[in-house]
């Protein structure tokens, strides 16, 4: 029954392409300023995240947060919580590679509902919440904008985009969108979704976009500075379901952090992937800790991956 309901919601949203107001049976009174949790993870408390209270300076001062470190913000997707891979695996890999402040945004009080439409409609509010908190950190000299990156999966990618739009005191350095959600997001309304203008550099990894006959969980258009389309960006080797292909974006990103071997060919456009009109030079490496920012990378990129981990195939031989 749950799967059928989800399919119906996805079908409706694919046609409408914009938010819809519905009566919500689960968590109908979600309030980001009450229900969202900010969890700090550092090398000093990797297995014991510390909750930072919204715009509360004392909670930061009494935590392991250090202003001399770069800051990374992780945002989960629909029906996820603080046990999701975007928190557990991504934070662990980032901290194994770099000494960072990792802020995990737990909005599970709003995301863990079968009502996708309701969860989608909370994206702007959670994004505004994050933007306000980042502005607060900057006001207190706790972050520098050029050292702040956001990573979001599915609905979380669009939340990261809304946060980038919402900051008032500067500009986010980079946003990595991991298969940004497609249902109920229109290419024609960048003000409501992740967009290339939301940070100095926006990279998108597409793994489950729609086809002409099938609905995907991810958005089917290029919306970043650099858009990567592993295996064409619709279904992934080794996956039999949309859920698996959708989640591969997180798997690829986690694998890319410490040992990035995801080399991609540059294509004139996504439509050129099937005709193999992609070239090795200049090419690019997908993922990592926003490694492409300093290269002013832009365009469409294609690569193939392995069915099982390790997924990366390295550069063409």
C-alpha atoms as a PDB file:
ATOM      1  CA  UNK A   1       0.000   0.000   0.000  1.00  0.00           C
ATOM      2  CA  UNK A   2       2.820   2.366   0.899  1.00  0.00           C
ATOM      3  CA  UNK A   3       4.588   1.746  -2.403  1.00  0.00           C
ATOM      4  CA  UNK A   4       1.363   2.339  -4.320  1.00  0.00           C
ATOM      5  CA  UNK A   5       0.734   5.614  -2.477  1.00  0.00           C
ATOM      6  CA  UNK A   6       4.259   6.787  -3.197  1.00  0.00           C
ATOM      7  CA  UNK A   7       3.858   5.917  -6.882  1.00  0.00           C
ATOM      8  CA  UNK A   8       0.628   7.909  -7.062  1.00  0.00           C
ATOM      9  CA  UNK A   9       2.263  10.911  -5.417  1.00  0.00           C
ATOM     10  CA  UNK A  10       5.223  10.767  -7.774  1.00  0.00           C
ATOM     11  CA  UNK A  11       2.929  10.516 -10.779  1.00  0.00           C
ATOM     12  CA  UNK A  12       0.890  13.535  -9.682  1.00  0.00           C
ATOM     13  CA  UNK A  13       3.968  15.578  -8.893  1.00  0.00           C
ATOM     14  CA  UNK A  14       5.671  14.760 -12.179  1.00  0.00           C
ATOM     15  CA  UNK A  15       2.711  16.250 -14.033  1.00  0.00           C
ATOM     16  CA  UNK A  16       2.196  19.285 -11.805  1.00  0.00           C
ATOM     17  CA  UNK A  17       5.810  20.329 -11.246  1.00  0.00           C
ATOM     18  CA  UNK A  18       4.935  22.656  -8.328  1.00  0.00           C
ATOM     19  CA  UNK A  19       3.975  22.425  -4.648  1.00  0.00           C
ATOM     20  CA  UNK A  20       0.480  21.296  -3.741  1.00  0.00           C
ATOM     21  CA  UNK A  21      -1.286  21.916  -0.447  1.00  0.00           C
ATOM     22  CA  UNK A  22      -2.891  18.821   1.045  1.00  0.00           C
ATOM     23  CA  UNK A  23      -4.153  17.805   4.443  1.00  0.00           C
ATOM     24  CA  UNK A  24      -1.295  15.996   6.137  1.00  0.00           C
ATOM     25  CA  UNK A  25      -1.963  13.157   8.573  1.00  0.00           C
ATOM     26  CA  UNK A  26       1.606  12.960   9.899  1.00  0.00           C
ATOM     27  CA  UNK A  27       3.364  15.823  11.750  1.00  0.00           C
ATOM     28  CA  UNK A  28       0.889  18.433  10.450  1.00  0.00           C
ATOM     29  CA  UNK A  29       2.306  21.155  12.704  1.00  0.00           C
ATOM     30  CA  UNK A  30       5.953  20.899  11.672  1.00  0.00           C
ATOM     31  CA  UNK A  31       7.851  24.006  12.732  1.00  0.00           C
ATOM     32  CA  UNK A  32      11.456  24.170  11.558  1.00  0.00           C
ATOM     33  CA  UNK A  33      12.460  26.465  14.404  1.00  0.00           C
ATOM     34  CA  UNK A  34      11.182  23.926  16.919  1.00  0.00           C
ATOM     35  CA  UNK A  35      11.636  20.592  15.172  1.00  0.00           C
ATOM     36  CA  UNK A  36      14.902  20.805  13.201  1.00  0.00           C
ATOM     37  CA  UNK A  37      18.053  19.661  14.993  1.00  0.00           C
ATOM     38  CA  UNK A  38      21.572  20.882  14.199  1.00  0.00           C
ATOM     39  CA  UNK A  39      24.050  18.127  15.057  1.00  0.00           C
ATOM     40  CA  UNK A  40      27.757  18.948  15.223  1.00  0.00           C
ATOM     41  CA  UNK A  41      30.192  16.168  14.321  1.00  0.00           C
ATOM     42  CA  UNK A  42      33.970  16.616  14.523  1.00  0.00           C
ATOM     43  CA  UNK A  43      36.976  14.347  14.890  1.00  0.00           C
ATOM     44  CA  UNK A  44      36.686  14.865  18.637  1.00  0.00           C
ATOM     45  CA  UNK A  45      33.077  13.605  18.867  1.00  0.00           C
ATOM     46  CA  UNK A  46      32.638  11.442  15.785  1.00  0.00           C
ATOM     47  CA  UNK A  47      30.365   8.951  17.555  1.00  0.00           C
ATOM     48  CA  UNK A  48      28.652  11.429  19.850  1.00  0.00           C
ATOM     49  CA  UNK A  49      27.154  14.350  17.892  1.00  0.00           C
ATOM     50  CA  UNK A  50      26.477  17.504  19.872  1.00  0.00           C
ATOM     51  CA  UNK A  51      23.238  19.399  19.347  1.00  0.00           C
ATOM     52  CA  UNK A  52      23.658  23.108  18.672  1.00  0.00           C
ATOM     53  CA  UNK A  53      20.652  25.230  19.519  1.00  0.00           C
ATOM     54  CA  UNK A  54      19.336  27.698  16.979  1.00  0.00           C
ATOM     55  CA  UNK A  55      21.174  31.038  17.137  1.00  0.00           C
ATOM     56  CA  UNK A  56      22.452  30.189  20.620  1.00  0.00           C
ATOM     57  CA  UNK A  57      26.053  31.321  21.008  1.00  0.00           C
ATOM     58  CA  UNK A  58      26.634  29.518  24.298  1.00  0.00           C
ATOM     59  CA  UNK A  59      25.794  26.128  22.786  1.00  0.00           C
ATOM     60  CA  UNK A  60      28.464  26.719  20.130  1.00  0.00           C
ATOM     61  CA  UNK A  61      31.047  27.927  22.637  1.00  0.00           C
ATOM     62  CA  UNK A  62      30.502  24.857  24.809  1.00  0.00           C
ATOM     63  CA  UNK A  63      30.805  22.458  21.861  1.00  0.00           C
ATOM     64  CA  UNK A  64      33.645  21.071  19.755  1.00  0.00           C
ATOM     65  CA  UNK A  65      32.967  23.685  17.047  1.00  0.00           C
ATOM     66  CA  UNK A  66      36.143  25.573  16.129  1.00  0.00           C
ATOM     67  CA  UNK A  67      36.132  28.739  14.038  1.00  0.00           C
ATOM     68  CA  UNK A  68      39.522  27.943  12.477  1.00  0.00           C
ATOM     69  CA  UNK A  69      38.105  24.886  10.690  1.00  0.00           C
ATOM     70  CA  UNK A  70      36.190  24.772   7.413  1.00  0.00           C
ATOM     71  CA  UNK A  71      32.502  23.931   7.852  1.00  0.00           C
ATOM     72  CA  UNK A  72      30.430  21.400   5.943  1.00  0.00           C
ATOM     73  CA  UNK A  73      26.631  21.203   6.162  1.00  0.00           C
ATOM     74  CA  UNK A  74      24.886  17.903   5.326  1.00  0.00           C
ATOM     75  CA  UNK A  75      21.143  17.684   4.596  1.00  0.00           C
ATOM     76  CA  UNK A  76      19.199  14.423   4.266  1.00  0.00           C
ATOM     77  CA  UNK A  77      16.277  13.659   1.980  1.00  0.00           C
ATOM     78  CA  UNK A  78      12.699  12.425   2.150  1.00  0.00           C
ATOM     79  CA  UNK A  79      11.859   9.775   4.759  1.00  0.00           C
ATOM     80  CA  UNK A  80      15.383   9.936   6.212  1.00  0.00           C
ATOM     81  CA  UNK A  81      16.788  10.890   9.610  1.00  0.00           C
ATOM     82  CA  UNK A  82      20.065  10.939  11.537  1.00  0.00           C
ATOM     83  CA  UNK A  83      20.757   7.294  10.638  1.00  0.00           C
ATOM     84  CA  UNK A  84      20.936   8.052   6.902  1.00  0.00           C
ATOM     85  CA  UNK A  85      24.083   7.535   4.834  1.00  0.00           C
ATOM     86  CA  UNK A  86      24.310  11.260   4.100  1.00  0.00           C
ATOM     87  CA  UNK A  87      25.084  11.665   7.803  1.00  0.00           C
ATOM     88  CA  UNK A  88      26.807   8.470   8.896  1.00  0.00           C
ATOM     89  CA  UNK A  89      28.945   7.626   5.863  1.00  0.00           C
ATOM     90  CA  UNK A  90      29.527  11.120   4.485  1.00  0.00           C
ATOM     91  CA  UNK A  91      30.514  12.653   7.819  1.00  0.00           C
ATOM     92  CA  UNK A  92      32.871   9.766   8.583  1.00  0.00           C
ATOM     93  CA  UNK A  93      34.644  10.047   5.225  1.00  0.00           C
ATOM     94  CA  UNK A  94      34.883  13.837   5.339  1.00  0.00           C
ATOM     95  CA  UNK A  95      36.386  13.765   8.820  1.00  0.00           C
ATOM     96  CA  UNK A  96      38.783  10.976   7.899  1.00  0.00           C
ATOM     97  CA  UNK A  97      40.102  13.228   5.147  1.00  0.00           C
ATOM     98  CA  UNK A  98      39.854  16.709   6.694  1.00  0.00           C
ATOM     99  CA  UNK A  99      39.646  18.453  10.064  1.00  0.00           C
ATOM    100  CA  UNK A 100      36.187  20.019   9.782  1.00  0.00           C
ATOM    101  CA  UNK A 101      33.102  21.195  11.575  1.00  0.00           C
ATOM    102  CA  UNK A 102      30.352  19.003  10.105  1.00  0.00           C
ATOM    103  CA  UNK A 103      26.807  20.227  10.743  1.00  0.00           C
ATOM    104  CA  UNK A 104      24.123  17.638  10.053  1.00  0.00           C
ATOM    105  CA  UNK A 105      20.657  19.096   9.597  1.00  0.00           C
ATOM    106  CA  UNK A 106      18.110  16.643  10.988  1.00  0.00           C
ATOM    107  CA  UNK A 107      14.672  17.666   9.702  1.00  0.00           C
ATOM    108  CA  UNK A 108      13.220  14.182  10.115  1.00  0.00           C
ATOM    109  CA  UNK A 109      10.189  15.554  11.985  1.00  0.00           C
ATOM    110  CA  UNK A 110       9.192  16.987   8.615  1.00  0.00           C
ATOM    111  CA  UNK A 111      10.628  14.397   6.236  1.00  0.00           C
ATOM    112  CA  UNK A 112       9.532  11.090   7.768  1.00  0.00           C
ATOM    113  CA  UNK A 113       6.046  11.059   6.313  1.00  0.00           C
ATOM    114  CA  UNK A 114       4.581   9.055   3.463  1.00  0.00           C
ATOM    115  CA  UNK A 115       3.118  12.345   2.264  1.00  0.00           C
ATOM    116  CA  UNK A 116       5.851  13.403  -0.156  1.00  0.00           C
ATOM    117  CA  UNK A 117       3.936  16.558  -1.057  1.00  0.00           C
ATOM    118  CA  UNK A 118       3.946  17.698   2.559  1.00  0.00           C
ATOM    119  CA  UNK A 119       7.666  16.974   2.913  1.00  0.00           C
ATOM    120  CA  UNK A 120       8.419  18.813  -0.333  1.00  0.00           C
ATOM    121  CA  UNK A 121       6.494  21.865   0.832  1.00  0.00           C
ATOM    122  CA  UNK A 122       8.776  22.111   3.876  1.00  0.00           C
ATOM    123  CA  UNK A 123      11.889  22.592   1.753  1.00  0.00           C
ATOM    124  CA  UNK A 124      11.777  26.435   1.729  1.00  0.00           C
ATOM    125  CA  UNK A 125      11.269  26.684   5.489  1.00  0.00           C
ATOM    126  CA  UNK A 126      14.150  24.352   6.331  1.00  0.00           C
ATOM    127  CA  UNK A 127      16.369  26.174   3.830  1.00  0.00           C
ATOM    128  CA  UNK A 128      15.542  29.515   5.437  1.00  0.00           C
ATOM    129  CA  UNK A 129      16.298  28.025   8.861  1.00  0.00           C
ATOM    130  CA  UNK A 130      19.766  26.919   7.726  1.00  0.00           C
ATOM    131  CA  UNK A 131      20.469  30.282   6.083  1.00  0.00           C
ATOM    132  CA  UNK A 132      19.561  32.125   9.278  1.00  0.00           C
ATOM    133  CA  UNK A 133      21.831  29.885  11.340  1.00  0.00           C
ATOM    134  CA  UNK A 134      24.760  30.338   8.963  1.00  0.00           C
ATOM    135  CA  UNK A 135      24.248  34.109   9.054  1.00  0.00           C
ATOM    136  CA  UNK A 136      24.333  33.868  12.858  1.00  0.00           C
ATOM    137  CA  UNK A 137      27.622  31.951  12.772  1.00  0.00           C
ATOM    138  CA  UNK A 138      29.096  34.553  10.435  1.00  0.00           C
ATOM    139  CA  UNK A 139      27.874  37.446  12.585  1.00  0.00           C
ATOM    140  CA  UNK A 140      29.825  35.931  15.472  1.00  0.00           C
ATOM    141  CA  UNK A 141      32.997  35.359  13.410  1.00  0.00           C
ATOM    142  CA  UNK A 142      32.615  31.590  13.605  1.00  0.00           C
ATOM    143  CA  UNK A 143      32.652  30.886   9.855  1.00  0.00           C
ATOM    144  CA  UNK A 144      34.102  32.367   6.691  1.00  0.00           C
ATOM    145  CA  UNK A 145      31.881  32.044   3.642  1.00  0.00           C
ATOM    146  CA  UNK A 146      34.689  30.802   1.404  1.00  0.00           C
ATOM    147  CA  UNK A 147      35.127  27.826   3.757  1.00  0.00           C
ATOM    148  CA  UNK A 148      31.485  26.719   3.888  1.00  0.00           C
ATOM    149  CA  UNK A 149      30.173  23.933   1.629  1.00  0.00           C
ATOM    150  CA  UNK A 150      26.720  22.336   1.678  1.00  0.00           C
ATOM    151  CA  UNK A 151      25.947  18.768   0.592  1.00  0.00           C
ATOM    152  CA  UNK A 152      22.331  17.688   0.179  1.00  0.00           C
ATOM    153  CA  UNK A 153      20.641  14.515  -1.043  1.00  0.00           C
ATOM    154  CA  UNK A 154      17.264  14.408  -2.839  1.00  0.00           C
ATOM    155  CA  UNK A 155      14.979  16.949  -1.129  1.00  0.00           C
ATOM    156  CA  UNK A 156      18.032  17.912   0.914  1.00  0.00           C
ATOM    157  CA  UNK A 157      19.755  19.158  -2.240  1.00  0.00           C
ATOM    158  CA  UNK A 158      16.961  21.666  -2.791  1.00  0.00           C
ATOM    159  CA  UNK A 159      17.055  22.627   0.892  1.00  0.00           C
ATOM    160  CA  UNK A 160      20.756  23.387   0.423  1.00  0.00           C
ATOM    161  CA  UNK A 161      19.847  25.521  -2.581  1.00  0.00           C
ATOM    162  CA  UNK A 162      17.228  27.438  -0.619  1.00  0.00           C
ATOM    163  CA  UNK A 163      19.791  28.000   2.137  1.00  0.00           C
ATOM    164  CA  UNK A 164      22.201  29.383  -0.437  1.00  0.00           C
ATOM    165  CA  UNK A 165      19.522  31.747  -1.703  1.00  0.00           C
ATOM    166  CA  UNK A 166      18.643  32.798   1.824  1.00  0.00           C
ATOM    167  CA  UNK A 167      21.955  33.835   3.371  1.00  0.00           C
ATOM    168  CA  UNK A 168      22.101  37.595   3.813  1.00  0.00           C
ATOM    169  CA  UNK A 169      25.657  38.214   4.923  1.00  0.00           C
ATOM    170  CA  UNK A 170      27.633  36.594   2.105  1.00  0.00           C
ATOM    171  CA  UNK A 171      27.658  33.734  -0.377  1.00  0.00           C
ATOM    172  CA  UNK A 172      28.095  30.006   0.124  1.00  0.00           C
ATOM    173  CA  UNK A 173      31.349  28.658  -1.318  1.00  0.00           C
ATOM    174  CA  UNK A 174      29.960  25.465  -2.868  1.00  0.00           C
ATOM    175  CA  UNK A 175      26.905  23.217  -2.925  1.00  0.00           C
ATOM    176  CA  UNK A 176      26.988  19.559  -3.954  1.00  0.00           C
ATOM    177  CA  UNK A 177      23.531  18.310  -4.973  1.00  0.00           C
ATOM    178  CA  UNK A 178      23.217  14.527  -4.813  1.00  0.00           C
ATOM    179  CA  UNK A 179      20.436  13.524  -7.211  1.00  0.00           C
ATOM    180  CA  UNK A 180      18.183  16.490  -6.365  1.00  0.00           C
ATOM    181  CA  UNK A 181      14.555  15.401  -6.133  1.00  0.00           C
ATOM    182  CA  UNK A 182      12.543  15.688  -9.345  1.00  0.00           C
ATOM    183  CA  UNK A 183       8.869  15.310  -8.387  1.00  0.00           C
ATOM    184  CA  UNK A 184       7.202  18.663  -7.676  1.00  0.00           C
ATOM    185  CA  UNK A 185      10.228  20.671  -8.805  1.00  0.00           C
ATOM    186  CA  UNK A 186      10.031  22.528 -12.090  1.00  0.00           C
ATOM    187  CA  UNK A 187      12.968  23.495 -14.266  1.00  0.00           C
ATOM    188  CA  UNK A 188      11.055  26.711 -14.961  1.00  0.00           C
ATOM    189  CA  UNK A 189      11.102  27.863 -11.329  1.00  0.00           C
ATOM    190  CA  UNK A 190      14.720  28.022 -10.102  1.00  0.00           C
ATOM    191  CA  UNK A 191      13.576  30.162  -7.171  1.00  0.00           C
ATOM    192  CA  UNK A 192      12.027  27.019  -5.640  1.00  0.00           C
ATOM    193  CA  UNK A 193      14.889  24.570  -6.147  1.00  0.00           C
ATOM    194  CA  UNK A 194      18.653  24.162  -6.295  1.00  0.00           C
ATOM    195  CA  UNK A 195      20.142  26.391  -8.974  1.00  0.00           C
ATOM    196  CA  UNK A 196      23.602  27.315 -10.240  1.00  0.00           C
ATOM    197  CA  UNK A 197      23.273  30.780  -8.693  1.00  0.00           C
ATOM    198  CA  UNK A 198      22.883  29.484  -5.125  1.00  0.00           C
ATOM    199  CA  UNK A 199      26.633  29.371  -4.395  1.00  0.00           C
ATOM    200  CA  UNK A 200      29.926  30.294  -5.983  1.00  0.00           C
ATOM    201  CA  UNK A 201      30.025  26.747  -7.349  1.00  0.00           C
ATOM    202  CA  UNK A 202      27.179  24.226  -7.653  1.00  0.00           C
ATOM    203  CA  UNK A 203      27.872  20.628  -8.654  1.00  0.00           C
ATOM    204  CA  UNK A 204      25.094  18.114  -9.283  1.00  0.00           C
ATOM    205  CA  UNK A 205      25.344  14.327  -9.494  1.00  0.00           C
ATOM    206  CA  UNK A 206      22.328  12.816 -11.306  1.00  0.00           C
ATOM    207  CA  UNK A 207      21.604   9.119 -10.802  1.00  0.00           C
ATOM    208  CA  UNK A 208      17.832   8.579 -11.161  1.00  0.00           C
ATOM    209  CA  UNK A 209      16.310  11.121 -13.514  1.00  0.00           C
ATOM    210  CA  UNK A 210      13.142  10.375 -15.501  1.00  0.00           C
ATOM    211  CA  UNK A 211      13.085   8.800 -18.955  1.00  0.00           C
ATOM    212  CA  UNK A 212      10.460   9.170 -21.671  1.00  0.00           C
ATOM    213  CA  UNK A 213       8.477   6.299 -20.169  1.00  0.00           C
ATOM    214  CA  UNK A 214       9.573   6.049 -16.531  1.00  0.00           C
ATOM    215  CA  UNK A 215       9.357   8.422 -13.595  1.00  0.00           C
ATOM    216  CA  UNK A 216      12.589   8.931 -11.693  1.00  0.00           C
ATOM    217  CA  UNK A 217      13.198  10.182  -8.179  1.00  0.00           C
ATOM    218  CA  UNK A 218      15.719  12.771  -9.392  1.00  0.00           C
ATOM    219  CA  UNK A 219      15.395  15.874 -11.530  1.00  0.00           C
ATOM    220  CA  UNK A 220      16.039  15.339 -15.223  1.00  0.00           C
ATOM    221  CA  UNK A 221      17.619  18.674 -16.148  1.00  0.00           C
ATOM    222  CA  UNK A 222      21.021  20.276 -15.730  1.00  0.00           C
ATOM    223  CA  UNK A 223      20.654  22.773 -12.881  1.00  0.00           C
ATOM    224  CA  UNK A 224      24.210  23.313 -11.621  1.00  0.00           C
ATOM    225  CA  UNK A 225      27.428  24.844 -12.863  1.00  0.00           C
ATOM    226  CA  UNK A 226      28.658  21.310 -13.511  1.00  0.00           C
ATOM    227  CA  UNK A 227      26.220  18.419 -13.933  1.00  0.00           C
ATOM    228  CA  UNK A 228      27.481  14.834 -13.852  1.00  0.00           C
ATOM    229  CA  UNK A 229      25.408  12.015 -15.366  1.00  0.00           C
ATOM    230  CA  UNK A 230      26.857   8.648 -14.249  1.00  0.00           C
ATOM    231  CA  UNK A 231      25.738   5.912 -16.644  1.00  0.00           C
ATOM    232  CA  UNK A 232      23.380   8.402 -18.278  1.00  0.00           C
ATOM    233  CA  UNK A 233      21.850   9.578 -15.001  1.00  0.00           C
ATOM    234  CA  UNK A 234      18.632   7.514 -15.014  1.00  0.00           C
ATOM    235  CA  UNK A 235      19.361   4.013 -13.697  1.00  0.00           C
ATOM    236  CA  UNK A 236      22.543   2.625 -12.202  1.00  0.00           C
ATOM    237  CA  UNK A 237      24.364  -0.692 -12.769  1.00  0.00           C
ATOM    238  CA  UNK A 238      23.571  -3.173 -10.024  1.00  0.00           C
ATOM    239  CA  UNK A 239      20.270  -1.458  -9.157  1.00  0.00           C
ATOM    240  CA  UNK A 240      16.818  -2.917  -9.787  1.00  0.00           C
ATOM    241  CA  UNK A 241      14.801  -0.096  -8.202  1.00  0.00           C
ATOM    242  CA  UNK A 242      14.570   3.683  -8.343  1.00  0.00           C
ATOM    243  CA  UNK A 243      15.419   3.818  -4.648  1.00  0.00           C
ATOM    244  CA  UNK A 244      18.723   2.066  -5.287  1.00  0.00           C
ATOM    245  CA  UNK A 245      19.627   4.254  -8.278  1.00  0.00           C
ATOM    246  CA  UNK A 246      18.612   7.397  -6.378  1.00  0.00           C
ATOM    247  CA  UNK A 247      20.806   6.458  -3.416  1.00  0.00           C
ATOM    248  CA  UNK A 248      23.795   5.725  -5.637  1.00  0.00           C
ATOM    249  CA  UNK A 249      24.483   9.476  -5.705  1.00  0.00           C
ATOM    250  CA  UNK A 250      25.375   9.296  -2.017  1.00  0.00           C
ATOM    251  CA  UNK A 251      27.438   6.128  -2.543  1.00  0.00           C
ATOM    252  CA  UNK A 252      29.426   7.765  -5.330  1.00  0.00           C
ATOM    253  CA  UNK A 253      30.004  10.935  -3.347  1.00  0.00           C
ATOM    254  CA  UNK A 254      31.157   9.077  -0.229  1.00  0.00           C
ATOM    255  CA  UNK A 255      33.592   7.022  -2.304  1.00  0.00           C
ATOM    256  CA  UNK A 256      34.943  10.151  -3.995  1.00  0.00           C
ATOM    257  CA  UNK A 257      35.952  11.994  -0.820  1.00  0.00           C
ATOM    258  CA  UNK A 258      39.233  10.277   0.022  1.00  0.00           C
ATOM    259  CA  UNK A 259      40.176   8.560  -3.210  1.00  0.00           C
ATOM    260  CA  UNK A 260      38.445  10.192  -6.140  1.00  0.00           C
ATOM    261  CA  UNK A 261      38.673   8.059  -9.267  1.00  0.00           C
ATOM    262  CA  UNK A 262      35.402   9.189 -10.872  1.00  0.00           C
ATOM    263  CA  UNK A 263      36.791  10.656 -14.077  1.00  0.00           C
ATOM    264  CA  UNK A 264      34.140  12.049 -16.428  1.00  0.00           C
ATOM    265  CA  UNK A 265      34.117  13.056 -20.081  1.00  0.00           C
ATOM    266  CA  UNK A 266      32.753  16.443 -21.092  1.00  0.00           C
ATOM    267  CA  UNK A 267      29.718  16.499 -23.374  1.00  0.00           C
ATOM    268  CA  UNK A 268      28.152  19.393 -25.328  1.00  0.00           C
ATOM    269  CA  UNK A 269      24.855  18.562 -23.598  1.00  0.00           C
ATOM    270  CA  UNK A 270      23.017  15.702 -21.942  1.00  0.00           C
ATOM    271  CA  UNK A 271      21.388  14.751 -25.224  1.00  0.00           C
ATOM    272  CA  UNK A 272      24.855  14.030 -26.621  1.00  0.00           C
ATOM    273  CA  UNK A 273      25.620  11.285 -24.095  1.00  0.00           C
ATOM    274  CA  UNK A 274      23.746   8.546 -25.964  1.00  0.00           C
ATOM    275  CA  UNK A 275      25.480   9.430 -29.219  1.00  0.00           C
ATOM    276  CA  UNK A 276      28.869   9.327 -27.478  1.00  0.00           C
ATOM    277  CA  UNK A 277      29.784  12.894 -28.409  1.00  0.00           C
ATOM    278  CA  UNK A 278      31.803  13.323 -25.214  1.00  0.00           C
ATOM    279  CA  UNK A 279      35.537  13.999 -25.100  1.00  0.00           C
ATOM    280  CA  UNK A 280      38.342  13.210 -22.659  1.00  0.00           C
ATOM    281  CA  UNK A 281      39.760  16.722 -22.678  1.00  0.00           C
ATOM    282  CA  UNK A 282      39.295  18.674 -20.558  1.00  0.00           C
ATOM    283  CA  UNK A 283      37.242  16.168 -18.560  1.00  0.00           C
ATOM    284  CA  UNK A 284      36.714  16.405 -14.795  1.00  0.00           C
ATOM    285  CA  UNK A 285      36.659  14.445 -11.558  1.00  0.00           C
ATOM    286  CA  UNK A 286      33.191  14.021 -10.087  1.00  0.00           C
ATOM    287  CA  UNK A 287      32.575  14.648  -6.413  1.00  0.00           C
ATOM    288  CA  UNK A 288      35.155  15.047  -3.694  1.00  0.00           C
ATOM    289  CA  UNK A 289      35.112  17.969  -1.304  1.00  0.00           C
ATOM    290  CA  UNK A 290      34.104  20.484  -3.999  1.00  0.00           C
ATOM    291  CA  UNK A 291      37.454  19.905  -5.697  1.00  0.00           C
ATOM    292  CA  UNK A 292      36.256  21.507  -8.929  1.00  0.00           C
ATOM    293  CA  UNK A 293      35.494  24.910  -7.402  1.00  0.00           C
ATOM    294  CA  UNK A 294      38.857  26.495  -8.146  1.00  0.00           C
ATOM    295  CA  UNK A 295      38.721  25.243 -11.726  1.00  0.00           C
ATOM    296  CA  UNK A 296      35.582  27.242 -12.566  1.00  0.00           C
ATOM    297  CA  UNK A 297      34.186  23.987 -13.937  1.00  0.00           C
ATOM    298  CA  UNK A 298      30.976  24.127 -15.934  1.00  0.00           C
ATOM    299  CA  UNK A 299      29.043  21.975 -18.356  1.00  0.00           C
ATOM    300  CA  UNK A 300      27.722  18.443 -18.749  1.00  0.00           C
ATOM    301  CA  UNK A 301      29.827  15.381 -17.889  1.00  0.00           C
ATOM    302  CA  UNK A 302      29.403  11.641 -18.440  1.00  0.00           C
ATOM    303  CA  UNK A 303      31.070   8.645 -16.833  1.00  0.00           C
ATOM    304  CA  UNK A 304      30.505   4.945 -16.315  1.00  0.00           C
ATOM    305  CA  UNK A 305      30.722   3.157 -12.982  1.00  0.00           C
ATOM    306  CA  UNK A 306      31.035  -0.383 -11.682  1.00  0.00           C
ATOM    307  CA  UNK A 307      28.036  -2.367 -10.465  1.00  0.00           C
ATOM    308  CA  UNK A 308      29.588  -2.896  -7.045  1.00  0.00           C
ATOM    309  CA  UNK A 309      31.888  -0.941  -4.746  1.00  0.00           C
ATOM    310  CA  UNK A 310      34.384   0.417  -5.543  1.00  0.00           C
ATOM    311  CA  UNK A 311      32.234   2.074  -8.190  1.00  0.00           C
ATOM    312  CA  UNK A 312      34.838   4.362  -9.757  1.00  0.00           C
ATOM    313  CA  UNK A 313      36.638   3.167 -12.884  1.00  0.00           C
ATOM    314  CA  UNK A 314      39.334   5.839 -13.029  1.00  0.00           C
ATOM    315  CA  UNK A 315      40.434   7.717 -16.158  1.00  0.00           C
ATOM    316  CA  UNK A 316      40.165   6.089 -19.605  1.00  0.00           C
ATOM    317  CA  UNK A 317      43.155   3.949 -20.488  1.00  0.00           C
END
